[in-house]
Amino acid sequence: MNASNIDDLRNLPPDHPRRLLMIAHARLAVRPAPLNGMKLITIAAYGDHAVRLIELPSGVGHAIRRLWVELYDAFADCTLDGSGCNDISEALAAAEELLAEAKRLNARPRPAAGHKPD
């Protein structure tokens, strides 16, 4: 990220998808990889719904994209949706879509324990 990109980010609202993704991407780049090599960082969370940026280790194979954006439900402990990305531009498109979905899901009330949703 160069100085002009940083200035561009400063001009964006704090919750703008591009700003959130670029900050997460910069943080992911300096995060040490765990033993399995997969690095993960939250782009943003709305209630129990988190949008995460994931970088897979380099040895995963050519058919699998190394950069992923996923929508994760912490309450249910599962991934709801995700997208493999070739580059940061594709990651931005995926993040925009999944951030909007996380906000939408967070606005809906969760069913009470033991009740099935309608």
C-alpha atoms as a PDB file:
ATOM      1  CA  MET A   1       0.000   0.000   0.000  1.00  0.00           C
ATOM      2  CA  ASN A   2       1.565   3.283  -1.046  1.00  0.00           C
ATOM      3  CA  ALA A   3       1.010   6.822   0.268  1.00  0.00           C
ATOM      4  CA  SER A   4      -1.671   7.684  -2.310  1.00  0.00           C
ATOM      5  CA  ASN A   5      -3.651   4.550  -1.377  1.00  0.00           C
ATOM      6  CA  ILE A   6      -3.489   5.536   2.289  1.00  0.00           C
ATOM      7  CA  ASP A   7      -4.776   9.016   1.431  1.00  0.00           C
ATOM      8  CA  ASP A   8      -7.582   7.446  -0.625  1.00  0.00           C
ATOM      9  CA  LEU A   9      -8.565   5.299   2.364  1.00  0.00           C
ATOM     10  CA  ARG A  10      -8.652   8.302   4.669  1.00  0.00           C
ATOM     11  CA  ASN A  11     -11.235   9.903   2.384  1.00  0.00           C
ATOM     12  CA  LEU A  12     -13.565   6.905   2.648  1.00  0.00           C
ATOM     13  CA  PRO A  13     -16.114   6.480   5.458  1.00  0.00           C
ATOM     14  CA  PRO A  14     -14.919   4.137   8.256  1.00  0.00           C
ATOM     15  CA  ASP A  15     -17.369   1.396   7.217  1.00  0.00           C
ATOM     16  CA  HIS A  16     -16.685   1.554   3.469  1.00  0.00           C
ATOM     17  CA  PRO A  17     -15.993  -1.965   2.099  1.00  0.00           C
ATOM     18  CA  ARG A  18     -12.817  -0.900   0.281  1.00  0.00           C
ATOM     19  CA  ARG A  19     -11.393   0.704   3.394  1.00  0.00           C
ATOM     20  CA  LEU A  20     -12.291  -2.299   5.564  1.00  0.00           C
ATOM     21  CA  LEU A  21     -10.781  -4.761   3.080  1.00  0.00           C
ATOM     22  CA  MET A  22      -7.541  -2.819   2.570  1.00  0.00           C
ATOM     23  CA  ILE A  23      -6.996  -2.515   6.324  1.00  0.00           C
ATOM     24  CA  ALA A  24      -7.701  -6.225   6.785  1.00  0.00           C
ATOM     25  CA  HIS A  25      -5.389  -7.104   3.875  1.00  0.00           C
ATOM     26  CA  ALA A  26      -2.552  -5.017   5.353  1.00  0.00           C
ATOM     27  CA  ARG A  27      -3.052  -6.636   8.770  1.00  0.00           C
ATOM     28  CA  LEU A  28      -3.146 -10.096   7.205  1.00  0.00           C
ATOM     29  CA  ALA A  29       0.153  -9.445   5.394  1.00  0.00           C
ATOM     30  CA  VAL A  30       2.015  -8.843   8.666  1.00  0.00           C
ATOM     31  CA  ARG A  31       0.289 -11.587  10.648  1.00  0.00           C
ATOM     32  CA  PRO A  32       2.510 -14.617  11.167  1.00  0.00           C
ATOM     33  CA  ALA A  33       1.198 -17.832   9.649  1.00  0.00           C
ATOM     34  CA  PRO A  34       0.261 -20.610  12.082  1.00  0.00           C
ATOM     35  CA  LEU A  35       1.627 -24.120  11.591  1.00  0.00           C
ATOM     36  CA  ASN A  36      -1.049 -25.018   9.032  1.00  0.00           C
ATOM     37  CA  GLY A  37      -0.098 -21.930   6.987  1.00  0.00           C
ATOM     38  CA  MET A  38      -3.643 -20.530   6.746  1.00  0.00           C
ATOM     39  CA  LYS A  39      -3.954 -16.884   7.796  1.00  0.00           C
ATOM     40  CA  LEU A  40      -7.351 -15.415   8.675  1.00  0.00           C
ATOM     41  CA  ILE A  41      -8.524 -11.971   9.741  1.00  0.00           C
ATOM     42  CA  THR A  42     -11.963 -10.415  10.221  1.00  0.00           C
ATOM     43  CA  ILE A  43     -12.814  -7.639   7.779  1.00  0.00           C
ATOM     44  CA  ALA A  44     -15.917  -6.617   9.759  1.00  0.00           C
ATOM     45  CA  ALA A  45     -18.544  -8.191  11.987  1.00  0.00           C
ATOM     46  CA  TYR A  46     -22.206  -7.363  12.392  1.00  0.00           C
ATOM     47  CA  GLY A  47     -23.581  -9.166  15.415  1.00  0.00           C
ATOM     48  CA  ASP A  48     -22.762 -12.853  15.012  1.00  0.00           C
ATOM     49  CA  HIS A  49     -22.023 -12.481  11.289  1.00  0.00           C
ATOM     50  CA  ALA A  50     -18.392 -11.884  10.367  1.00  0.00           C
ATOM     51  CA  VAL A  51     -16.845 -11.339   6.966  1.00  0.00           C
ATOM     52  CA  ARG A  52     -13.334 -12.760   6.977  1.00  0.00           C
ATOM     53  CA  LEU A  53     -10.326 -12.571   4.687  1.00  0.00           C
ATOM     54  CA  ILE A  54      -8.400 -15.829   4.411  1.00  0.00           C
ATOM     55  CA  GLU A  55      -5.052 -16.560   2.817  1.00  0.00           C
ATOM     56  CA  LEU A  56      -4.313 -20.216   2.169  1.00  0.00           C
ATOM     57  CA  PRO A  57      -0.737 -21.535   2.196  1.00  0.00           C
ATOM     58  CA  SER A  58       1.185 -21.517  -1.095  1.00  0.00           C
ATOM     59  CA  GLY A  59       1.275 -25.312  -1.404  1.00  0.00           C
ATOM     60  CA  VAL A  60      -2.499 -25.852  -1.712  1.00  0.00           C
ATOM     61  CA  GLY A  61      -2.413 -26.539  -5.448  1.00  0.00           C
ATOM     62  CA  HIS A  62      -3.108 -24.595  -8.606  1.00  0.00           C
ATOM     63  CA  ALA A  63      -6.845 -25.316  -8.755  1.00  0.00           C
ATOM     64  CA  ILE A  64      -7.536 -23.657  -5.404  1.00  0.00           C
ATOM     65  CA  ARG A  65      -7.408 -19.889  -5.079  1.00  0.00           C
ATOM     66  CA  ARG A  66      -5.198 -18.703  -2.235  1.00  0.00           C
ATOM     67  CA  LEU A  67      -7.289 -15.655  -1.268  1.00  0.00           C
ATOM     68  CA  TRP A  68     -10.823 -16.149   0.081  1.00  0.00           C
ATOM     69  CA  VAL A  69     -13.556 -13.932   1.488  1.00  0.00           C
ATOM     70  CA  GLU A  70     -16.146 -15.709   3.603  1.00  0.00           C
ATOM     71  CA  LEU A  71     -19.309 -14.943   5.549  1.00  0.00           C
ATOM     72  CA  TYR A  72     -19.137 -16.736   8.888  1.00  0.00           C
ATOM     73  CA  ASP A  73     -21.927 -17.207  11.428  1.00  0.00           C
ATOM     74  CA  ALA A  74     -20.303 -17.314  14.869  1.00  0.00           C
ATOM     75  CA  PHE A  75     -23.571 -18.301  16.584  1.00  0.00           C
ATOM     76  CA  ALA A  76     -23.986 -21.393  14.389  1.00  0.00           C
ATOM     77  CA  ASP A  77     -20.187 -21.862  14.069  1.00  0.00           C
ATOM     78  CA  CYS A  78     -20.319 -22.314  10.301  1.00  0.00           C
ATOM     79  CA  THR A  79     -19.449 -20.629   7.037  1.00  0.00           C
ATOM     80  CA  LEU A  80     -22.556 -19.387   5.224  1.00  0.00           C
ATOM     81  CA  ASP A  81     -20.936 -18.289   1.962  1.00  0.00           C
ATOM     82  CA  GLY A  82     -17.540 -17.628   0.498  1.00  0.00           C
ATOM     83  CA  SER A  83     -15.660 -16.744  -2.634  1.00  0.00           C
ATOM     84  CA  GLY A  84     -12.204 -17.669  -3.876  1.00  0.00           C
ATOM     85  CA  CYS A  85     -10.413 -14.685  -5.376  1.00  0.00           C
ATOM     86  CA  ASN A  86      -7.521 -14.297  -7.818  1.00  0.00           C
ATOM     87  CA  ASP A  87      -6.602 -10.825  -6.601  1.00  0.00           C
ATOM     88  CA  ILE A  88      -7.586  -7.977  -4.304  1.00  0.00           C
ATOM     89  CA  SER A  89     -10.057  -6.563  -6.878  1.00  0.00           C
ATOM     90  CA  GLU A  90     -12.031  -9.803  -6.861  1.00  0.00           C
ATOM     91  CA  ALA A  91     -11.774  -9.874  -3.067  1.00  0.00           C
ATOM     92  CA  LEU A  92     -13.287  -6.378  -2.941  1.00  0.00           C
ATOM     93  CA  ALA A  93     -16.261  -7.427  -5.060  1.00  0.00           C
ATOM     94  CA  ALA A  94     -16.811 -10.468  -2.822  1.00  0.00           C
ATOM     95  CA  ALA A  95     -16.387  -8.413   0.353  1.00  0.00           C
ATOM     96  CA  GLU A  96     -18.936  -5.833  -0.792  1.00  0.00           C
ATOM     97  CA  GLU A  97     -21.518  -8.547  -1.412  1.00  0.00           C
ATOM     98  CA  LEU A  98     -20.831 -10.477   1.795  1.00  0.00           C
ATOM     99  CA  LEU A  99     -20.695  -7.357   3.991  1.00  0.00           C
ATOM    100  CA  ALA A 100     -24.145  -6.353   2.698  1.00  0.00           C
ATOM    101  CA  GLU A 101     -25.416  -9.878   3.405  1.00  0.00           C
ATOM    102  CA  ALA A 102     -23.936  -9.819   6.941  1.00  0.00           C
ATOM    103  CA  LYS A 103     -25.708  -6.542   7.670  1.00  0.00           C
ATOM    104  CA  ARG A 104     -28.974  -7.915   6.298  1.00  0.00           C
ATOM    105  CA  LEU A 105     -28.701 -11.107   8.348  1.00  0.00           C
ATOM    106  CA  ASN A 106     -27.849  -9.177  11.488  1.00  0.00           C
ATOM    107  CA  ALA A 107     -30.971  -7.038  11.090  1.00  0.00           C
ATOM    108  CA  ARG A 108     -33.166 -10.153  11.211  1.00  0.00           C
ATOM    109  CA  PRO A 109     -34.094 -11.499  14.639  1.00  0.00           C
ATOM    110  CA  ARG A 110     -32.748 -14.959  15.456  1.00  0.00           C
ATOM    111  CA  PRO A 111     -35.321 -17.619  16.352  1.00  0.00           C
ATOM    112  CA  ALA A 112     -35.525 -18.513  20.025  1.00  0.00           C
ATOM    113  CA  ALA A 113     -33.700 -21.664  21.104  1.00  0.00           C
ATOM    114  CA  GLY A 114     -35.700 -24.742  20.185  1.00  0.00           C
ATOM    115  CA  HIS A 115     -37.850 -22.894  17.609  1.00  0.00           C
ATOM    116  CA  LYS A 116     -37.515 -23.436  13.881  1.00  0.00           C
ATOM    117  CA  PRO A 117     -37.525 -20.352  11.639  1.00  0.00           C
ATOM    118  CA  ASP A 118     -40.664 -19.775   9.530  1.00  0.00           C
END
